[in-house]
Amino acid sequence: MSALQRIALFLTIIGAINWGLIGFFQFDLVAAIFGGQDSALSRVIYGLIGIAGLINLALLFKPAEELGRTEPKTSRT
């Protein structure tokens, strides 16, 4: 997994946690930290999380071989 994919995964997890907080407690953590939903910094964070989601969506359609997954080797002894 490349560094870009790891960053995208991290941002997607942050976004999922934020949506969970909104859904369960009606609390927007990103807006609370960065000055409300209309602040420029919050909009940048929301945009980065959206781009990260698109990057992770592309990972969904990659074959397992490209992701570095290999089947465990079994011994024939």
PDB file of N, CA and C in Angstrom:
ATOM      1  N   MET A   1       0.851  -1.169   0.000  1.00  0.00           N
ATOM      2  CA  MET A   1       0.000   0.000   0.000  1.00  0.00           C
ATOM      3  C   MET A   1       0.900   1.236   0.000  1.00  0.00           C
ATOM      4  N   SER A   2       0.644   2.131  -0.930  1.00  0.00           N
ATOM      5  CA  SER A   2       1.491   3.314  -1.048  1.00  0.00           C
ATOM      6  C   SER A   2       1.150   4.334   0.045  1.00  0.00           C
ATOM      7  N   ALA A   3       2.012   5.323   0.177  1.00  0.00           N
ATOM      8  CA  ALA A   3       1.799   6.369   1.175  1.00  0.00           C
ATOM      9  C   ALA A   3       0.509   7.139   0.890  1.00  0.00           C
ATOM     10  N   LEU A   4       0.239   7.406  -0.390  1.00  0.00           N
ATOM     11  CA  LEU A   4      -0.992   8.118  -0.754  1.00  0.00           C
ATOM     12  C   LEU A   4      -2.222   7.311  -0.346  1.00  0.00           C
ATOM     13  N   GLN A   5      -2.180   6.004  -0.553  1.00  0.00           N
ATOM     14  CA  GLN A   5      -3.304   5.154  -0.177  1.00  0.00           C
ATOM     15  C   GLN A   5      -3.484   5.103   1.336  1.00  0.00           C
ATOM     16  N   ARG A   6      -2.386   5.100   2.062  1.00  0.00           N
ATOM     17  CA  ARG A   6      -2.480   5.107   3.529  1.00  0.00           C
ATOM     18  C   ARG A   6      -3.068   6.416   4.035  1.00  0.00           C
ATOM     19  N   ILE A   7      -2.658   7.534   3.452  1.00  0.00           N
ATOM     20  CA  ILE A   7      -3.213   8.834   3.838  1.00  0.00           C
ATOM     21  C   ILE A   7      -4.696   8.882   3.499  1.00  0.00           C
ATOM     22  N   ALA A   8      -5.053   8.385   2.324  1.00  0.00           N
ATOM     23  CA  ALA A   8      -6.457   8.360   1.917  1.00  0.00           C
ATOM     24  C   ALA A   8      -7.276   7.502   2.874  1.00  0.00           C
ATOM     25  N   LEU A   9      -6.737   6.361   3.265  1.00  0.00           N
ATOM     26  CA  LEU A   9      -7.441   5.493   4.206  1.00  0.00           C
ATOM     27  C   LEU A   9      -7.627   6.189   5.546  1.00  0.00           C
ATOM     28  N   PHE A  10      -6.602   6.861   6.034  1.00  0.00           N
ATOM     29  CA  PHE A  10      -6.683   7.599   7.297  1.00  0.00           C
ATOM     30  C   PHE A  10      -7.767   8.674   7.220  1.00  0.00           C
ATOM     31  N   LEU A  11      -7.778   9.460   6.136  1.00  0.00           N
ATOM     32  CA  LEU A  11      -8.780  10.512   5.995  1.00  0.00           C
ATOM     33  C   LEU A  11     -10.186   9.936   5.869  1.00  0.00           C
ATOM     34  N   THR A  12     -10.317   8.800   5.214  1.00  0.00           N
ATOM     35  CA  THR A  12     -11.621   8.166   5.088  1.00  0.00           C
ATOM     36  C   THR A  12     -12.120   7.691   6.454  1.00  0.00           C
ATOM     37  N   ILE A  13     -11.221   7.183   7.267  1.00  0.00           N
ATOM     38  CA  ILE A  13     -11.600   6.764   8.626  1.00  0.00           C
ATOM     39  C   ILE A  13     -12.039   7.970   9.448  1.00  0.00           C
ATOM     40  N   ILE A  14     -11.316   9.090   9.325  1.00  0.00           N
ATOM     41  CA  ILE A  14     -11.708  10.312  10.025  1.00  0.00           C
ATOM     42  C   ILE A  14     -13.103  10.741   9.580  1.00  0.00           C
ATOM     43  N   GLY A  15     -13.358  10.680   8.281  1.00  0.00           N
ATOM     44  CA  GLY A  15     -14.672  11.038   7.761  1.00  0.00           C
ATOM     45  C   GLY A  15     -15.763  10.119   8.280  1.00  0.00           C
ATOM     46  N   ALA A  16     -15.473   8.827   8.353  1.00  0.00           N
ATOM     47  CA  ALA A  16     -16.457   7.879   8.862  1.00  0.00           C
ATOM     48  C   ALA A  16     -16.763   8.131  10.339  1.00  0.00           C
ATOM     49  N   ILE A  17     -15.735   8.431  11.110  1.00  0.00           N
ATOM     50  CA  ILE A  17     -15.951   8.759  12.521  1.00  0.00           C
ATOM     51  C   ILE A  17     -16.794  10.014  12.640  1.00  0.00           C
ATOM     52  N   ASN A  18     -16.498  11.021  11.817  1.00  0.00           N
ATOM     53  CA  ASN A  18     -17.264  12.263  11.854  1.00  0.00           C
ATOM     54  C   ASN A  18     -18.733  12.006  11.510  1.00  0.00           C
ATOM     55  N   TRP A  19     -18.984  11.193  10.465  1.00  0.00           N
ATOM     56  CA  TRP A  19     -20.366  10.871  10.101  1.00  0.00           C
ATOM     57  C   TRP A  19     -21.048  10.079  11.210  1.00  0.00           C
ATOM     58  N   GLY A  20     -20.333   9.220  11.886  1.00  0.00           N
ATOM     59  CA  GLY A  20     -20.905   8.499  13.023  1.00  0.00           C
ATOM     60  C   GLY A  20     -21.314   9.443  14.140  1.00  0.00           C
ATOM     61  N   LEU A  21     -20.457  10.405  14.425  1.00  0.00           N
ATOM     62  CA  LEU A  21     -20.784  11.402  15.453  1.00  0.00           C
ATOM     63  C   LEU A  21     -22.006  12.230  15.049  1.00  0.00           C
ATOM     64  N   ILE A  22     -22.080  12.582  13.774  1.00  0.00           N
ATOM     65  CA  ILE A  22     -23.237  13.343  13.298  1.00  0.00           C
ATOM     66  C   ILE A  22     -24.500  12.490  13.427  1.00  0.00           C
ATOM     67  N   GLY A  23     -24.425  11.241  13.010  1.00  0.00           N
ATOM     68  CA  GLY A  23     -25.586  10.374  13.043  1.00  0.00           C
ATOM     69  C   GLY A  23     -26.083  10.052  14.440  1.00  0.00           C
ATOM     70  N   PHE A  24     -25.165   9.778  15.350  1.00  0.00           N
ATOM     71  CA  PHE A  24     -25.564   9.365  16.692  1.00  0.00           C
ATOM     72  C   PHE A  24     -25.781  10.533  17.656  1.00  0.00           C
ATOM     73  N   PHE A  25     -24.995  11.594  17.508  1.00  0.00           N
ATOM     74  CA  PHE A  25     -25.021  12.665  18.508  1.00  0.00           C
ATOM     75  C   PHE A  25     -25.299  14.054  17.934  1.00  0.00           C
ATOM     76  N   GLN A  26     -25.511  14.153  16.628  1.00  0.00           N
ATOM     77  CA  GLN A  26     -25.701  15.441  15.945  1.00  0.00           C
ATOM     78  C   GLN A  26     -24.562  16.409  16.270  1.00  0.00           C
ATOM     79  N   PHE A  27     -23.336  15.869  16.250  1.00  0.00           N
ATOM     80  CA  PHE A  27     -22.141  16.667  16.536  1.00  0.00           C
ATOM     81  C   PHE A  27     -21.162  16.522  15.384  1.00  0.00           C
ATOM     82  N   ASP A  28     -20.839  17.636  14.745  1.00  0.00           N
ATOM     83  CA  ASP A  28     -19.897  17.649  13.629  1.00  0.00           C
ATOM     84  C   ASP A  28     -18.521  18.028  14.167  1.00  0.00           C
ATOM     85  N   LEU A  29     -17.661  17.029  14.326  1.00  0.00           N
ATOM     86  CA  LEU A  29     -16.338  17.242  14.917  1.00  0.00           C
ATOM     87  C   LEU A  29     -15.470  18.153  14.062  1.00  0.00           C
ATOM     88  N   VAL A  30     -15.492  17.952  12.742  1.00  0.00           N
ATOM     89  CA  VAL A  30     -14.683  18.787  11.843  1.00  0.00           C
ATOM     90  C   VAL A  30     -15.096  20.249  11.969  1.00  0.00           C
ATOM     91  N   ALA A  31     -16.397  20.506  11.972  1.00  0.00           N
ATOM     92  CA  ALA A  31     -16.889  21.886  12.101  1.00  0.00           C
ATOM     93  C   ALA A  31     -16.523  22.468  13.464  1.00  0.00           C
ATOM     94  N   ALA A  32     -16.593  21.644  14.509  1.00  0.00           N
ATOM     95  CA  ALA A  32     -16.263  22.124  15.848  1.00  0.00           C
ATOM     96  C   ALA A  32     -14.785  22.495  15.961  1.00  0.00           C
ATOM     97  N   ILE A  33     -13.925  21.711  15.327  1.00  0.00           N
ATOM     98  CA  ILE A  33     -12.485  21.973  15.429  1.00  0.00           C
ATOM     99  C   ILE A  33     -12.061  23.146  14.549  1.00  0.00           C
ATOM    100  N   PHE A  34     -12.619  23.223  13.337  1.00  0.00           N
ATOM    101  CA  PHE A  34     -12.115  24.182  12.355  1.00  0.00           C
ATOM    102  C   PHE A  34     -13.015  25.388  12.125  1.00  0.00           C
ATOM    103  N   GLY A  35     -13.958  25.672  13.015  1.00  0.00           N
ATOM    104  CA  GLY A  35     -14.681  26.926  12.952  1.00  0.00           C
ATOM    105  C   GLY A  35     -16.004  26.914  12.211  1.00  0.00           C
ATOM    106  N   GLY A  36     -16.712  25.830  12.216  1.00  0.00           N
ATOM    107  CA  GLY A  36     -18.027  25.765  11.583  1.00  0.00           C
ATOM    108  C   GLY A  36     -17.962  25.226  10.168  1.00  0.00           C
ATOM    109  N   GLN A  37     -19.129  24.802   9.671  1.00  0.00           N
ATOM    110  CA  GLN A  37     -19.185  24.193   8.347  1.00  0.00           C
ATOM    111  C   GLN A  37     -18.881  25.178   7.226  1.00  0.00           C
ATOM    112  N   ASP A  38     -19.083  26.458   7.460  1.00  0.00           N
ATOM    113  CA  ASP A  38     -18.879  27.449   6.403  1.00  0.00           C
ATOM    114  C   ASP A  38     -17.464  28.017   6.350  1.00  0.00           C
ATOM    115  N   SER A  39     -16.614  27.667   7.315  1.00  0.00           N
ATOM    116  CA  SER A  39     -15.254  28.203   7.290  1.00  0.00           C
ATOM    117  C   SER A  39     -14.452  27.557   6.158  1.00  0.00           C
ATOM    118  N   ALA A  40     -13.506  28.315   5.652  1.00  0.00           N
ATOM    119  CA  ALA A  40     -12.700  27.828   4.525  1.00  0.00           C
ATOM    120  C   ALA A  40     -11.909  26.575   4.902  1.00  0.00           C
ATOM    121  N   LEU A  41     -11.371  26.542   6.101  1.00  0.00           N
ATOM    122  CA  LEU A  41     -10.575  25.389   6.524  1.00  0.00           C
ATOM    123  C   LEU A  41     -11.438  24.125   6.626  1.00  0.00           C
ATOM    124  N   SER A  42     -12.648  24.256   7.157  1.00  0.00           N
ATOM    125  CA  SER A  42     -13.548  23.099   7.219  1.00  0.00           C
ATOM    126  C   SER A  42     -13.881  22.599   5.830  1.00  0.00           C
ATOM    127  N   ARG A  43     -14.113  23.496   4.906  1.00  0.00           N
ATOM    128  CA  ARG A  43     -14.442  23.098   3.537  1.00  0.00           C
ATOM    129  C   ARG A  43     -13.263  22.383   2.880  1.00  0.00           C
ATOM    130  N   VAL A  44     -12.045  22.820   3.184  1.00  0.00           N
ATOM    131  CA  VAL A  44     -10.859  22.134   2.657  1.00  0.00           C
ATOM    132  C   VAL A  44     -10.776  20.717   3.224  1.00  0.00           C
ATOM    133  N   ILE A  45     -11.022  20.575   4.534  1.00  0.00           N
ATOM    134  CA  ILE A  45     -10.990  19.256   5.176  1.00  0.00           C
ATOM    135  C   ILE A  45     -12.057  18.356   4.570  1.00  0.00           C
ATOM    136  N   TYR A  46     -13.274  18.867   4.407  1.00  0.00           N
ATOM    137  CA  TYR A  46     -14.343  18.073   3.798  1.00  0.00           C
ATOM    138  C   TYR A  46     -13.957  17.657   2.376  1.00  0.00           C
ATOM    139  N   GLY A  47     -13.344  18.558   1.638  1.00  0.00           N
ATOM    140  CA  GLY A  47     -12.912  18.243   0.276  1.00  0.00           C
ATOM    141  C   GLY A  47     -11.844  17.169   0.243  1.00  0.00           C
ATOM    142  N   LEU A  48     -10.869  17.261   1.145  1.00  0.00           N
ATOM    143  CA  LEU A  48      -9.811  16.247   1.215  1.00  0.00           C
ATOM    144  C   LEU A  48     -10.379  14.878   1.585  1.00  0.00           C
ATOM    145  N   ILE A  49     -11.341  14.856   2.492  1.00  0.00           N
ATOM    146  CA  ILE A  49     -11.960  13.584   2.868  1.00  0.00           C
ATOM    147  C   ILE A  49     -12.738  13.013   1.690  1.00  0.00           C
ATOM    148  N   GLY A  50     -13.396  13.865   0.918  1.00  0.00           N
ATOM    149  CA  GLY A  50     -14.106  13.401  -0.264  1.00  0.00           C
ATOM    150  C   GLY A  50     -13.171  12.817  -1.310  1.00  0.00           C
ATOM    151  N   ILE A  51     -12.048  13.475  -1.540  1.00  0.00           N
ATOM    152  CA  ILE A  51     -11.046  12.960  -2.489  1.00  0.00           C
ATOM    153  C   ILE A  51     -10.480  11.641  -1.988  1.00  0.00           C
ATOM    154  N   ALA A  52     -10.248  11.548  -0.682  1.00  0.00           N
ATOM    155  CA  ALA A  52      -9.742  10.300  -0.098  1.00  0.00           C
ATOM    156  C   ALA A  52     -10.734   9.163  -0.315  1.00  0.00           C
ATOM    157  N   GLY A  53     -12.010   9.459  -0.204  1.00  0.00           N
ATOM    158  CA  GLY A  53     -13.022   8.439  -0.462  1.00  0.00           C
ATOM    159  C   GLY A  53     -12.975   7.959  -1.901  1.00  0.00           C
ATOM    160  N   LEU A  54     -12.756   8.864  -2.845  1.00  0.00           N
ATOM    161  CA  LEU A  54     -12.654   8.474  -4.250  1.00  0.00           C
ATOM    162  C   LEU A  54     -11.422   7.612  -4.494  1.00  0.00           C
ATOM    163  N   ILE A  55     -10.313   7.937  -3.840  1.00  0.00           N
ATOM    164  CA  ILE A  55      -9.097   7.130  -3.974  1.00  0.00           C
ATOM    165  C   ILE A  55      -9.358   5.720  -3.443  1.00  0.00           C
ATOM    166  N   ASN A  56     -10.028   5.636  -2.295  1.00  0.00           N
ATOM    167  CA  ASN A  56     -10.327   4.318  -1.731  1.00  0.00           C
ATOM    168  C   ASN A  56     -11.352   3.568  -2.564  1.00  0.00           C
ATOM    169  N   LEU A  57     -12.232   4.274  -3.215  1.00  0.00           N
ATOM    170  CA  LEU A  57     -13.184   3.626  -4.114  1.00  0.00           C
ATOM    171  C   LEU A  57     -12.448   2.958  -5.267  1.00  0.00           C
ATOM    172  N   ALA A  58     -11.407   3.601  -5.774  1.00  0.00           N
ATOM    173  CA  ALA A  58     -10.605   3.011  -6.841  1.00  0.00           C
ATOM    174  C   ALA A  58      -9.904   1.739  -6.351  1.00  0.00           C
ATOM    175  N   LEU A  59      -9.503   1.699  -5.082  1.00  0.00           N
ATOM    176  CA  LEU A  59      -8.857   0.507  -4.527  1.00  0.00           C
ATOM    177  C   LEU A  59      -9.805  -0.686  -4.505  1.00  0.00           C
ATOM    178  N   LEU A  60     -11.082  -0.418  -4.408  1.00  0.00           N
ATOM    179  CA  LEU A  60     -12.073  -1.476  -4.356  1.00  0.00           C
ATOM    180  C   LEU A  60     -12.075  -2.331  -5.619  1.00  0.00           C
ATOM    181  N   PHE A  61     -11.717  -1.723  -6.743  1.00  0.00           N
ATOM    182  CA  PHE A  61     -11.782  -2.416  -8.016  1.00  0.00           C
ATOM    183  C   PHE A  61     -10.435  -2.940  -8.510  1.00  0.00           C
ATOM    184  N   LYS A  62      -9.363  -2.766  -7.725  1.00  0.00           N
ATOM    185  CA  LYS A  62      -8.059  -3.297  -8.104  1.00  0.00           C
ATOM    186  C   LYS A  62      -7.998  -4.783  -7.813  1.00  0.00           C
ATOM    187  N   PRO A  63      -7.379  -5.542  -8.704  1.00  0.00           N
ATOM    188  CA  PRO A  63      -7.202  -6.970  -8.411  1.00  0.00           C
ATOM    189  C   PRO A  63      -6.318  -7.169  -7.186  1.00  0.00           C
ATOM    190  N   ALA A  64      -6.507  -8.268  -6.494  1.00  0.00           N
ATOM    191  CA  ALA A  64      -5.759  -8.546  -5.267  1.00  0.00           C
ATOM    192  C   ALA A  64      -4.256  -8.588  -5.516  1.00  0.00           C
ATOM    193  N   GLU A  65      -3.840  -9.034  -6.727  1.00  0.00           N
ATOM    194  CA  GLU A  65      -2.413  -9.127  -7.021  1.00  0.00           C
ATOM    195  C   GLU A  65      -1.757  -7.747  -7.002  1.00  0.00           C
ATOM    196  N   GLU A  66      -2.480  -6.723  -7.449  1.00  0.00           N
ATOM    197  CA  GLU A  66      -1.916  -5.383  -7.477  1.00  0.00           C
ATOM    198  C   GLU A  66      -1.830  -4.771  -6.088  1.00  0.00           C
ATOM    199  N   LEU A  67      -2.631  -5.248  -5.173  1.00  0.00           N
ATOM    200  CA  LEU A  67      -2.630  -4.705  -3.821  1.00  0.00           C
ATOM    201  C   LEU A  67      -1.557  -5.339  -2.943  1.00  0.00           C
ATOM    202  N   GLY A  68      -0.856  -6.333  -3.479  1.00  0.00           N
ATOM    203  CA  GLY A  68       0.226  -6.963  -2.730  1.00  0.00           C
ATOM    204  C   GLY A  68      -0.218  -8.134  -1.890  1.00  0.00           C
ATOM    205  N   ARG A  69      -1.443  -8.555  -2.067  1.00  0.00           N
ATOM    206  CA  ARG A  69      -1.922  -9.714  -1.329  1.00  0.00           C
ATOM    207  C   ARG A  69      -1.468 -10.979  -2.035  1.00  0.00           C
ATOM    208  N   THR A  70      -0.961 -11.896  -1.264  1.00  0.00           N
ATOM    209  CA  THR A  70      -0.579 -13.193  -1.832  1.00  0.00           C
ATOM    210  C   THR A  70      -1.180 -14.275  -0.983  1.00  0.00           C
ATOM    211  N   GLU A  71      -1.425 -15.389  -1.597  1.00  0.00           N
ATOM    212  CA  GLU A  71      -1.938 -16.533  -0.870  1.00  0.00           C
ATOM    213  C   GLU A  71      -0.802 -17.147  -0.055  1.00  0.00           C
ATOM    214  N   PRO A  72      -1.105 -17.650   1.130  1.00  0.00           N
ATOM    215  CA  PRO A  72      -0.049 -18.299   1.915  1.00  0.00           C
ATOM    216  C   PRO A  72       0.458 -19.543   1.191  1.00  0.00           C
ATOM    217  N   LYS A  73       1.760 -19.693   1.213  1.00  0.00           N
ATOM    218  CA  LYS A  73       2.374 -20.854   0.568  1.00  0.00           C
ATOM    219  C   LYS A  73       2.289 -22.045   1.495  1.00  0.00           C
ATOM    220  N   THR A  74       1.910 -23.171   0.927  1.00  0.00           N
ATOM    221  CA  THR A  74       1.831 -24.397   1.734  1.00  0.00           C
ATOM    222  C   THR A  74       2.989 -25.306   1.356  1.00  0.00           C
ATOM    223  N   SER A  75       3.458 -25.997   2.334  1.00  0.00           N
ATOM    224  CA  SER A  75       4.565 -26.916   2.127  1.00  0.00           C
ATOM    225  C   SER A  75       4.035 -28.275   1.717  1.00  0.00           C
ATOM    226  N   ARG A  76       4.741 -28.960   0.818  1.00  0.00           N
ATOM    227  CA  ARG A  76       4.325 -30.291   0.362  1.00  0.00           C
ATOM    228  C   ARG A  76       5.125 -31.388   1.054  1.00  0.00           C
ATOM    229  N   THR A  77       5.584 -31.152   2.244  1.00  0.00           N
ATOM    230  CA  THR A  77       6.360 -32.180   2.940  1.00  0.00           C
ATOM    231  C   THR A  77       5.513 -33.067   3.776  1.00  0.00           C
TER     232      THR A  77
END
